[in-house]
Amino acid sequence: MALLIAITYRDKPLVYTVANPGREIYVLRMQDPQQTSTKEYLPEKIIIRRKGKIWVSDADECRELIDLLTAEILNFNTKTRAA
């Protein structure tokens, strides 16, 4: 079972699947890109390096989305450490 991150971005639900192909890299892929029928750019793949570096082809255009995903990841990490 994969880890899923679900957020609401501009009144639209988005779900990303998180994979960890290596110790230092997390890959987020949009679960169903065809469902997001919007004219604005939404990255289907986001790569986050463990040292905090994020790679998206056009990161400047989707900073709000990246911030929401990062906040959800940090929230998850905080809850799992407390448990």
Protein backbone atom coordinates (compact mmCIF):
# COMPACT_ATOMS: atom_id res chain seq x y z
CA MET A 1 0.00 0.00 0.00
CA ALA A 2 1.37 3.42 -0.96
CA LEU A 3 1.19 6.61 1.04
CA LEU A 4 -1.36 9.06 -0.37
CA ILE A 5 -1.47 12.78 0.26
CA ALA A 6 -4.89 14.38 -0.24
CA ILE A 7 -5.25 18.15 -0.28
CA THR A 8 -7.72 20.73 -1.50
CA TYR A 9 -6.12 23.15 -3.91
CA ARG A 10 -8.22 26.04 -5.21
CA ASP A 11 -11.44 24.23 -4.30
CA LYS A 12 -10.38 21.05 -6.13
CA PRO A 13 -9.40 17.80 -4.40
CA LEU A 14 -5.98 16.50 -5.42
CA VAL A 15 -4.40 13.20 -4.43
CA TYR A 16 -0.70 12.45 -4.83
CA THR A 17 0.90 9.02 -4.37
CA VAL A 18 4.23 9.13 -2.53
CA ALA A 19 7.02 6.74 -3.48
CA ASN A 20 10.48 6.49 -1.94
CA PRO A 21 12.78 5.04 -4.62
CA GLY A 22 15.91 5.94 -2.69
CA ARG A 23 16.95 7.04 0.77
CA GLU A 24 17.16 10.70 -0.14
CA ILE A 25 14.31 11.08 -2.65
CA TYR A 26 10.51 11.15 -2.47
CA VAL A 27 8.47 11.17 -5.68
CA LEU A 28 4.91 12.49 -5.63
CA ARG A 29 2.71 11.59 -8.59
CA MET A 30 -0.81 12.85 -9.13
CA GLN A 31 -3.09 9.86 -8.70
CA ASP A 32 -5.53 10.72 -11.50
CA PRO A 33 -4.32 13.67 -13.63
CA GLN A 34 -7.23 13.35 -16.07
CA GLN A 35 -9.74 14.21 -13.34
CA THR A 36 -8.24 17.63 -12.75
CA SER A 37 -9.95 19.39 -15.62
CA THR A 38 -8.50 22.82 -15.09
CA LYS A 39 -6.72 25.16 -17.42
CA GLU A 40 -4.06 26.09 -14.90
CA TYR A 41 -0.82 24.16 -14.66
CA LEU A 42 -0.77 21.37 -12.06
CA PRO A 43 2.38 19.26 -11.90
CA GLU A 44 1.77 15.54 -12.28
CA LYS A 45 5.16 14.70 -10.76
CA ILE A 46 7.02 16.41 -7.92
CA ILE A 47 10.41 15.28 -6.62
CA ILE A 48 11.41 16.17 -3.06
CA ARG A 49 14.93 15.51 -1.88
CA ARG A 50 15.33 14.73 1.78
CA LYS A 51 17.53 17.75 2.34
CA GLY A 52 14.57 19.97 1.50
CA LYS A 53 15.23 20.57 -2.17
CA ILE A 54 12.10 20.36 -4.30
CA TRP A 55 12.13 19.87 -8.05
CA VAL A 56 9.18 20.73 -10.23
CA SER A 57 9.65 21.74 -13.84
CA ASP A 58 7.88 25.07 -13.23
CA ALA A 59 8.08 25.48 -9.47
CA ASP A 60 7.52 29.24 -9.64
CA GLU A 61 4.08 28.71 -11.16
CA CYS A 62 2.85 26.33 -8.47
CA ARG A 63 4.42 27.59 -5.24
CA GLU A 64 1.03 27.55 -3.44
CA LEU A 65 0.50 23.87 -4.34
CA ILE A 66 4.01 22.93 -3.21
CA ASP A 67 3.50 24.76 0.07
CA LEU A 68 0.23 22.86 0.71
CA LEU A 69 1.86 19.49 -0.04
CA THR A 70 4.89 20.32 2.12
CA ALA A 71 2.65 21.39 5.02
CA GLU A 72 0.71 18.12 4.78
CA ILE A 73 3.95 16.10 4.80
CA LEU A 74 5.24 18.03 7.83
CA ASN A 75 1.88 17.55 9.57
CA PHE A 76 2.09 13.80 8.93
CA ASN A 77 5.68 13.65 10.24
CA THR A 78 4.71 15.55 13.40
CA LYS A 79 1.75 13.24 14.12
CA THR A 80 3.74 10.03 13.54
CA ARG A 81 6.58 11.17 15.81
CA ALA A 82 4.14 12.00 18.62
CA ALA A 83 2.47 8.58 18.43
